[in-house]
C-alpha atoms as a PDB file:
ATOM      1  CA  UNK A   1     -44.436  -9.645  -5.724  1.00  0.00           C
ATOM      2  CA  UNK A   2     -43.110 -10.893  -9.367  1.00  0.00           C
ATOM      3  CA  UNK A   3     -38.985 -11.287  -9.863  1.00  0.00           C
ATOM      4  CA  UNK A   4     -37.398  -7.969 -11.203  1.00  0.00           C
ATOM      5  CA  UNK A   5     -34.166  -8.014 -12.297  1.00  0.00           C
ATOM      6  CA  UNK A   6     -32.463  -4.660 -12.115  1.00  0.00           C
ATOM      7  CA  UNK A   7     -29.250  -4.487 -13.823  1.00  0.00           C
ATOM      8  CA  UNK A   8     -27.412  -0.883 -14.775  1.00  0.00           C
ATOM      9  CA  UNK A   9     -25.788  -0.592 -18.100  1.00  0.00           C
ATOM     10  CA  UNK A  10     -24.567   2.904 -19.931  1.00  0.00           C
ATOM     11  CA  UNK A  11     -27.425   3.308 -22.088  1.00  0.00           C
ATOM     12  CA  UNK A  12     -25.654   5.240 -24.969  1.00  0.00           C
ATOM     13  CA  UNK A  13     -22.684   2.619 -25.172  1.00  0.00           C
ATOM     14  CA  UNK A  14     -25.554  -0.106 -25.041  1.00  0.00           C
ATOM     15  CA  UNK A  15     -27.085   1.456 -28.021  1.00  0.00           C
ATOM     16  CA  UNK A  16     -24.070   1.630 -30.194  1.00  0.00           C
ATOM     17  CA  UNK A  17     -23.392  -1.897 -29.444  1.00  0.00           C
ATOM     18  CA  UNK A  18     -26.697  -3.121 -30.260  1.00  0.00           C
ATOM     19  CA  UNK A  19     -26.099  -1.554 -33.850  1.00  0.00           C
ATOM     20  CA  UNK A  20     -23.010  -2.909 -34.124  1.00  0.00           C
ATOM     21  CA  UNK A  21     -24.211  -6.494 -33.013  1.00  0.00           C
ATOM     22  CA  UNK A  22     -27.134  -6.059 -35.585  1.00  0.00           C
ATOM     23  CA  UNK A  23     -24.432  -5.597 -38.180  1.00  0.00           C
ATOM     24  CA  UNK A  24     -22.267  -8.253 -37.170  1.00  0.00           C
ATOM     25  CA  UNK A  25     -25.142 -10.865 -37.402  1.00  0.00           C
ATOM     26  CA  UNK A  26     -25.849  -9.782 -40.613  1.00  0.00           C
ATOM     27  CA  UNK A  27     -22.288 -10.316 -42.016  1.00  0.00           C
ATOM     28  CA  UNK A  28     -22.382 -13.599 -40.458  1.00  0.00           C
ATOM     29  CA  UNK A  29     -25.219 -14.432 -42.765  1.00  0.00           C
ATOM     30  CA  UNK A  30     -27.978 -14.177 -40.235  1.00  0.00           C
ATOM     31  CA  UNK A  31     -31.350 -12.289 -40.157  1.00  0.00           C
ATOM     32  CA  UNK A  32     -31.008 -10.188 -36.835  1.00  0.00           C
ATOM     33  CA  UNK A  33     -35.106  -9.452 -37.201  1.00  0.00           C
ATOM     34  CA  UNK A  34     -35.698 -13.175 -36.861  1.00  0.00           C
ATOM     35  CA  UNK A  35     -37.520 -13.965 -33.373  1.00  0.00           C
ATOM     36  CA  UNK A  36     -34.741 -15.802 -31.718  1.00  0.00           C
ATOM     37  CA  UNK A  37     -32.100 -13.034 -32.717  1.00  0.00           C
ATOM     38  CA  UNK A  38     -34.306  -9.729 -31.733  1.00  0.00           C
ATOM     39  CA  UNK A  39     -33.032  -9.195 -28.585  1.00  0.00           C
ATOM     40  CA  UNK A  40     -29.860 -11.036 -29.056  1.00  0.00           C
ATOM     41  CA  UNK A  41     -27.798  -7.624 -29.828  1.00  0.00           C
ATOM     42  CA  UNK A  42     -29.103  -6.029 -26.827  1.00  0.00           C
ATOM     43  CA  UNK A  43     -28.368  -9.139 -24.425  1.00  0.00           C
ATOM     44  CA  UNK A  44     -24.733  -9.221 -26.088  1.00  0.00           C
ATOM     45  CA  UNK A  45     -24.345  -5.546 -25.747  1.00  0.00           C
ATOM     46  CA  UNK A  46     -25.246  -6.154 -22.026  1.00  0.00           C
ATOM     47  CA  UNK A  47     -23.318  -9.199 -21.418  1.00  0.00           C
ATOM     48  CA  UNK A  48     -20.093  -7.741 -22.892  1.00  0.00           C
ATOM     49  CA  UNK A  49     -20.244  -4.605 -20.492  1.00  0.00           C
ATOM     50  CA  UNK A  50     -21.052  -6.725 -17.537  1.00  0.00           C
ATOM     51  CA  UNK A  51     -17.809  -9.063 -18.602  1.00  0.00           C
ATOM     52  CA  UNK A  52     -15.680  -5.775 -18.848  1.00  0.00           C
ATOM     53  CA  UNK A  53     -16.817  -3.979 -15.956  1.00  0.00           C
ATOM     54  CA  UNK A  54     -13.324  -4.046 -14.289  1.00  0.00           C
ATOM     55  CA  UNK A  55     -12.383  -1.176 -16.567  1.00  0.00           C
ATOM     56  CA  UNK A  56     -14.531   1.013 -14.254  1.00  0.00           C
ATOM     57  CA  UNK A  57     -13.009  -0.415 -11.141  1.00  0.00           C
ATOM     58  CA  UNK A  58     -10.076   0.724  -9.010  1.00  0.00           C
ATOM     59  CA  UNK A  59      -8.204  -2.224  -7.509  1.00  0.00           C
ATOM     60  CA  UNK A  60      -6.115  -0.287  -5.410  1.00  0.00           C
ATOM     61  CA  UNK A  61      -9.276   1.747  -3.810  1.00  0.00           C
ATOM     62  CA  UNK A  62     -10.785  -1.647  -3.268  1.00  0.00           C
ATOM     63  CA  UNK A  63      -7.743  -3.048  -0.903  1.00  0.00           C
ATOM     64  CA  UNK A  64      -7.470   0.691   0.609  1.00  0.00           C
ATOM     65  CA  UNK A  65     -11.421   0.207   1.784  1.00  0.00           C
ATOM     66  CA  UNK A  66     -10.144  -2.818   4.320  1.00  0.00           C
ATOM     67  CA  UNK A  67      -6.820  -1.812   4.799  1.00  0.00           C
ATOM     68  CA  UNK A  68      -6.136  -2.849   9.035  1.00  0.00           C
ATOM     69  CA  UNK A  69      -2.928  -1.988  11.020  1.00  0.00           C
ATOM     70  CA  UNK A  70      -1.835  -5.905  12.370  1.00  0.00           C
ATOM     71  CA  UNK A  71       1.518  -7.150  13.390  1.00  0.00           C
ATOM     72  CA  UNK A  72       1.423 -10.523  11.738  1.00  0.00           C
ATOM     73  CA  UNK A  73       3.979 -11.398   9.440  1.00  0.00           C
ATOM     74  CA  UNK A  74       2.587 -15.010   8.558  1.00  0.00           C
ATOM     75  CA  UNK A  75       1.780 -15.898   5.398  1.00  0.00           C
ATOM     76  CA  UNK A  76      -1.910 -15.036   4.250  1.00  0.00           C
ATOM     77  CA  UNK A  77      -3.677 -17.435   1.228  1.00  0.00           C
ATOM     78  CA  UNK A  78      -6.701 -17.181  -0.382  1.00  0.00           C
ATOM     79  CA  UNK A  79      -7.119 -20.050  -2.759  1.00  0.00           C
ATOM     80  CA  UNK A  80      -9.234 -21.549  -5.567  1.00  0.00           C
ATOM     81  CA  UNK A  81     -10.803 -18.113  -6.701  1.00  0.00           C
ATOM     82  CA  UNK A  82     -12.992 -18.604  -9.218  1.00  0.00           C
ATOM     83  CA  UNK A  83     -11.901 -16.128 -12.064  1.00  0.00           C
ATOM     84  CA  UNK A  84     -13.797 -15.629 -15.553  1.00  0.00           C
ATOM     85  CA  UNK A  85     -11.822 -13.204 -18.359  1.00  0.00           C
ATOM     86  CA  UNK A  86     -12.041 -12.782 -21.902  1.00  0.00           C
ATOM     87  CA  UNK A  87      -8.769 -13.404 -24.072  1.00  0.00           C
ATOM     88  CA  UNK A  88      -8.100 -10.178 -25.797  1.00  0.00           C
ATOM     89  CA  UNK A  89      -6.990 -12.190 -29.191  1.00  0.00           C
ATOM     90  CA  UNK A  90     -10.243 -13.812 -29.679  1.00  0.00           C
ATOM     91  CA  UNK A  91     -12.655 -12.299 -27.378  1.00  0.00           C
ATOM     92  CA  UNK A  92     -13.220 -16.151 -25.908  1.00  0.00           C
ATOM     93  CA  UNK A  93     -13.598 -16.723 -22.367  1.00  0.00           C
ATOM     94  CA  UNK A  94     -11.095 -18.331 -20.289  1.00  0.00           C
ATOM     95  CA  UNK A  95     -11.778 -19.655 -17.136  1.00  0.00           C
ATOM     96  CA  UNK A  96      -9.999 -21.250 -13.894  1.00  0.00           C
ATOM     97  CA  UNK A  97      -8.871 -20.252 -10.417  1.00  0.00           C
ATOM     98  CA  UNK A  98      -6.677 -17.928  -8.998  1.00  0.00           C
ATOM     99  CA  UNK A  99      -4.633 -18.966  -5.398  1.00  0.00           C
ATOM    100  CA  UNK A 100      -3.301 -15.544  -3.921  1.00  0.00           C
ATOM    101  CA  UNK A 101      -0.906 -15.146  -1.060  1.00  0.00           C
ATOM    102  CA  UNK A 102       0.776 -12.342   0.947  1.00  0.00           C
ATOM    103  CA  UNK A 103       2.924 -11.815   3.952  1.00  0.00           C
ATOM    104  CA  UNK A 104       1.964  -9.070   5.669  1.00  0.00           C
ATOM    105  CA  UNK A 105       4.680  -6.233   6.638  1.00  0.00           C
ATOM    106  CA  UNK A 106       2.127  -4.166   9.477  1.00  0.00           C
ATOM    107  CA  UNK A 107      -1.150  -4.003   7.181  1.00  0.00           C
ATOM    108  CA  UNK A 108      -3.790  -6.829   6.014  1.00  0.00           C
ATOM    109  CA  UNK A 109      -6.855  -6.145   3.852  1.00  0.00           C
ATOM    110  CA  UNK A 110     -10.313  -7.879   4.113  1.00  0.00           C
ATOM    111  CA  UNK A 111     -10.139 -11.560   2.614  1.00  0.00           C
ATOM    112  CA  UNK A 112     -12.971 -10.609   0.405  1.00  0.00           C
ATOM    113  CA  UNK A 113     -11.069  -7.722  -1.103  1.00  0.00           C
ATOM    114  CA  UNK A 114      -8.437  -9.968  -2.678  1.00  0.00           C
ATOM    115  CA  UNK A 115     -11.198 -12.139  -4.611  1.00  0.00           C
ATOM    116  CA  UNK A 116     -12.561  -8.551  -5.746  1.00  0.00           C
ATOM    117  CA  UNK A 117      -9.143  -7.503  -6.683  1.00  0.00           C
ATOM    118  CA  UNK A 118      -9.256 -10.884  -9.327  1.00  0.00           C
ATOM    119  CA  UNK A 119     -12.293  -9.744 -10.488  1.00  0.00           C
ATOM    120  CA  UNK A 120     -11.309  -6.469 -11.327  1.00  0.00           C
ATOM    121  CA  UNK A 121      -8.676  -7.526 -13.682  1.00  0.00           C
ATOM    122  CA  UNK A 122     -10.390 -10.494 -14.955  1.00  0.00           C
ATOM    123  CA  UNK A 123     -13.289  -8.651 -15.911  1.00  0.00           C
ATOM    124  CA  UNK A 124     -10.977  -6.972 -18.787  1.00  0.00           C
ATOM    125  CA  UNK A 125      -9.884  -8.071 -22.262  1.00  0.00           C
ATOM    126  CA  UNK A 126      -7.076  -9.747 -20.742  1.00  0.00           C
ATOM    127  CA  UNK A 127      -3.904 -12.490 -21.332  1.00  0.00           C
ATOM    128  CA  UNK A 128      -3.516 -14.749 -18.408  1.00  0.00           C
ATOM    129  CA  UNK A 129       0.406 -13.619 -17.724  1.00  0.00           C
ATOM    130  CA  UNK A 130      -0.510 -10.057 -17.735  1.00  0.00           C
ATOM    131  CA  UNK A 131      -3.266 -11.052 -15.341  1.00  0.00           C
ATOM    132  CA  UNK A 132      -1.129 -12.654 -12.875  1.00  0.00           C
ATOM    133  CA  UNK A 133       1.026  -9.733 -12.825  1.00  0.00           C
ATOM    134  CA  UNK A 134      -1.655  -7.177 -12.427  1.00  0.00           C
ATOM    135  CA  UNK A 135      -2.922  -9.141  -9.248  1.00  0.00           C
ATOM    136  CA  UNK A 136       0.492  -9.122  -7.806  1.00  0.00           C
ATOM    137  CA  UNK A 137       1.527  -5.783  -8.419  1.00  0.00           C
ATOM    138  CA  UNK A 138      -1.636  -3.760  -6.992  1.00  0.00           C
ATOM    139  CA  UNK A 139      -1.077  -6.281  -3.863  1.00  0.00           C
ATOM    140  CA  UNK A 140       2.584  -5.206  -3.383  1.00  0.00           C
ATOM    141  CA  UNK A 141       1.753  -1.568  -4.110  1.00  0.00           C
ATOM    142  CA  UNK A 142      -1.208  -1.090  -2.259  1.00  0.00           C
ATOM    143  CA  UNK A 143      -0.074  -2.772   1.333  1.00  0.00           C
ATOM    144  CA  UNK A 144       3.742  -2.979   0.747  1.00  0.00           C
ATOM    145  CA  UNK A 145       4.053  -6.429   2.324  1.00  0.00           C
ATOM    146  CA  UNK A 146       7.011  -8.868   2.592  1.00  0.00           C
ATOM    147  CA  UNK A 147       6.360 -10.735  -0.464  1.00  0.00           C
ATOM    148  CA  UNK A 148       3.167 -11.369  -2.434  1.00  0.00           C
ATOM    149  CA  UNK A 149       2.671 -15.018  -4.764  1.00  0.00           C
ATOM    150  CA  UNK A 150      -0.132 -15.402  -7.319  1.00  0.00           C
ATOM    151  CA  UNK A 151      -1.025 -18.525  -9.415  1.00  0.00           C
ATOM    152  CA  UNK A 152      -3.489 -18.716 -12.098  1.00  0.00           C
ATOM    153  CA  UNK A 153      -4.447 -22.082 -13.437  1.00  0.00           C
ATOM    154  CA  UNK A 154      -6.888 -21.478 -16.299  1.00  0.00           C
ATOM    155  CA  UNK A 155      -8.614 -23.569 -19.424  1.00  0.00           C
ATOM    156  CA  UNK A 156      -8.905 -20.982 -22.578  1.00  0.00           C
ATOM    157  CA  UNK A 157     -11.876 -21.504 -24.942  1.00  0.00           C
ATOM    158  CA  UNK A 158      -9.963 -20.083 -27.661  1.00  0.00           C
ATOM    159  CA  UNK A 159      -7.669 -23.437 -27.609  1.00  0.00           C
ATOM    160  CA  UNK A 160     -10.525 -25.630 -26.886  1.00  0.00           C
ATOM    161  CA  UNK A 161     -12.828 -24.470 -29.752  1.00  0.00           C
ATOM    162  CA  UNK A 162     -10.998 -23.441 -32.615  1.00  0.00           C
ATOM    163  CA  UNK A 163      -7.007 -23.529 -33.340  1.00  0.00           C
ATOM    164  CA  UNK A 164      -5.109 -26.565 -31.907  1.00  0.00           C
ATOM    165  CA  UNK A 165      -8.640 -27.501 -30.325  1.00  0.00           C
ATOM    166  CA  UNK A 166      -6.999 -29.195 -26.983  1.00  0.00           C
ATOM    167  CA  UNK A 167     -10.007 -29.482 -24.896  1.00  0.00           C
ATOM    168  CA  UNK A 168      -8.092 -30.903 -21.807  1.00  0.00           C
ATOM    169  CA  UNK A 169      -5.099 -28.206 -21.786  1.00  0.00           C
ATOM    170  CA  UNK A 170      -4.563 -25.962 -18.828  1.00  0.00           C
ATOM    171  CA  UNK A 171      -2.481 -23.070 -18.613  1.00  0.00           C
ATOM    172  CA  UNK A 172      -0.634 -22.141 -15.005  1.00  0.00           C
ATOM    173  CA  UNK A 173       1.167 -18.830 -14.950  1.00  0.00           C
ATOM    174  CA  UNK A 174       2.594 -17.363 -11.333  1.00  0.00           C
ATOM    175  CA  UNK A 175       4.053 -14.289 -10.508  1.00  0.00           C
ATOM    176  CA  UNK A 176       6.012 -13.743  -6.668  1.00  0.00           C
ATOM    177  CA  UNK A 177       7.684 -10.979  -5.120  1.00  0.00           C
ATOM    178  CA  UNK A 178       9.588 -10.249  -1.615  1.00  0.00           C
ATOM    179  CA  UNK A 179      10.030 -13.245   0.577  1.00  0.00           C
ATOM    180  CA  UNK A 180       8.224 -15.474  -2.166  1.00  0.00           C
ATOM    181  CA  UNK A 181      11.410 -15.347  -4.347  1.00  0.00           C
ATOM    182  CA  UNK A 182      13.135 -17.686  -1.713  1.00  0.00           C
ATOM    183  CA  UNK A 183      12.845 -20.997  -2.362  1.00  0.00           C
ATOM    184  CA  UNK A 184      11.599 -22.366   1.139  1.00  0.00           C
ATOM    185  CA  UNK A 185       8.677 -19.830   1.329  1.00  0.00           C
ATOM    186  CA  UNK A 186       7.538 -20.422  -2.318  1.00  0.00           C
ATOM    187  CA  UNK A 187       7.817 -24.237  -1.702  1.00  0.00           C
ATOM    188  CA  UNK A 188       5.477 -23.678   1.395  1.00  0.00           C
ATOM    189  CA  UNK A 189       3.168 -21.629  -0.840  1.00  0.00           C
ATOM    190  CA  UNK A 190       2.514 -24.244  -3.569  1.00  0.00           C
ATOM    191  CA  UNK A 191       2.614 -27.198  -1.113  1.00  0.00           C
ATOM    192  CA  UNK A 192      -0.656 -25.122   0.686  1.00  0.00           C
ATOM    193  CA  UNK A 193      -2.560 -24.446  -2.383  1.00  0.00           C
ATOM    194  CA  UNK A 194      -1.927 -27.880  -3.317  1.00  0.00           C
ATOM    195  CA  UNK A 195      -3.138 -29.480  -0.491  1.00  0.00           C
ATOM    196  CA  UNK A 196      -6.875 -30.566   0.785  1.00  0.00           C
ATOM    197  CA  UNK A 197      -7.042 -28.779   4.449  1.00  0.00           C
ATOM    198  CA  UNK A 198     -11.133 -28.278   4.245  1.00  0.00           C
END
């Protein structure tokens, strides 16, 4: 059986975006009807829907779908979670890694759900500062843990390709609540995300 790629997109949204991208190509001085560009507006329309699918997802529901009662009060860390997002100022990508920790207070969640929460908020038009806090806040509000810590390290194409054009710059943001406001707890988290235990 031949390979079949199955994607789901809102047909009405796709059609409107296709028209917009055709006009954009023309405004940029291109011929949207030339062979190499004929399918580009549709490809971009679908790509943008994929890259912003986080608007249609509920991070709290994701955490609640795998919420379990456990008497555990040690730090749980999921580190090196790849993320890809779009800068809302220039609509250019930024990408990097998120490191997320929480200290349970009666409830834990499935480890994959933490990564899915990162996807929910990164698959939107974003700024890294807000993205960091949104991840921290939904875990805090849904699991009611003793503390949450989030650190994101990312490279921004808006700084690399245009503007100041600094290709080696990395932006680091952090958000902490609860027990992670204590120096000892926060230092343990920072040490563990920086180590190579695996």
